[in-house]
């Protein structure tokens, strides 16, 4: 089983991660702390269940393209 997180940058800095298949959310001030928090959140969520085989962290960015 693979767990996928959608990660979005916050306007005031840091990142928010939302799992696409389970009710797991976390945040971090920087990329490395976010990755740690995602791992801990997944471990806590599945504490009494089978663990995920892998965790995919997908950074989502918005780009504003002006009309031409």
Protein backbone atom coordinates (compact mmCIF):
# COMPACT_ATOMS: atom_id res chain seq x y z
CA UNK A 1 0.00 0.00 0.00
CA UNK A 2 1.28 3.46 -0.91
CA UNK A 3 0.11 6.56 0.95
CA UNK A 4 0.11 9.79 -1.10
CA UNK A 5 0.23 13.28 0.38
CA UNK A 6 -0.55 16.47 -1.48
CA UNK A 7 1.70 19.23 -0.15
CA UNK A 8 0.95 22.91 -0.65
CA UNK A 9 3.09 25.87 0.39
CA UNK A 10 1.48 28.29 2.84
CA UNK A 11 1.40 32.00 2.03
CA UNK A 12 3.09 32.83 5.35
CA UNK A 13 5.77 30.14 4.94
CA UNK A 14 5.91 26.45 5.60
CA UNK A 15 3.92 23.61 4.08
CA UNK A 16 0.67 21.73 4.69
CA UNK A 17 0.38 18.04 3.79
CA UNK A 18 -2.94 16.27 3.23
CA UNK A 19 -3.26 12.53 2.63
CA UNK A 20 -5.38 11.78 -0.44
CA UNK A 21 -6.76 8.46 0.82
CA UNK A 22 -7.01 8.81 4.62
CA UNK A 23 -7.81 11.55 7.13
CA UNK A 24 -4.19 12.46 7.84
CA UNK A 25 -3.01 16.06 7.90
CA UNK A 26 0.20 17.68 9.09
CA UNK A 27 2.40 20.70 8.53
CA UNK A 28 6.01 21.82 8.74
CA UNK A 29 7.99 25.04 8.63
CA UNK A 30 10.45 23.59 6.12
CA UNK A 31 10.65 20.58 3.77
CA UNK A 32 12.72 18.28 6.02
CA UNK A 33 10.59 18.81 9.15
CA UNK A 34 7.49 18.28 7.01
CA UNK A 35 8.79 14.91 5.81
CA UNK A 36 9.43 13.90 9.43
CA UNK A 37 5.94 15.02 10.47
CA UNK A 38 4.35 13.08 7.60
CA UNK A 39 6.12 9.91 8.68
CA UNK A 40 5.10 10.36 12.31
CA UNK A 41 1.50 11.16 11.33
CA UNK A 42 1.27 8.01 9.21
CA UNK A 43 2.78 5.90 12.02
CA UNK A 44 0.26 7.35 14.49
CA UNK A 45 -2.68 6.82 12.15
CA UNK A 46 -1.77 3.19 11.44
CA UNK A 47 -0.47 2.41 14.96
CA UNK A 48 -2.58 -0.76 15.22
CA UNK A 49 -2.81 -1.63 11.52
CA UNK A 50 -0.53 -2.74 8.71
CA UNK A 51 1.98 -0.01 7.86
CA UNK A 52 2.22 1.54 4.41
CA UNK A 53 4.87 0.15 2.06
CA UNK A 54 5.75 3.65 0.90
CA UNK A 55 4.78 7.28 1.40
CA UNK A 56 4.74 9.64 -1.58
CA UNK A 57 4.97 13.37 -0.83
CA UNK A 58 3.79 15.39 -3.84
CA UNK A 59 4.48 19.14 -3.86
CA UNK A 60 1.65 21.04 -5.54
CA UNK A 61 2.26 24.56 -6.78
CA UNK A 62 -0.06 27.13 -8.26
CA UNK A 63 1.16 29.26 -11.10
CA UNK A 64 -0.66 32.39 -12.20
CA UNK A 65 -0.41 32.92 -15.92
CA UNK A 66 -1.47 36.33 -17.18
CA UNK A 67 -3.80 36.61 -20.15
CA UNK A 68 -2.16 37.63 -23.38
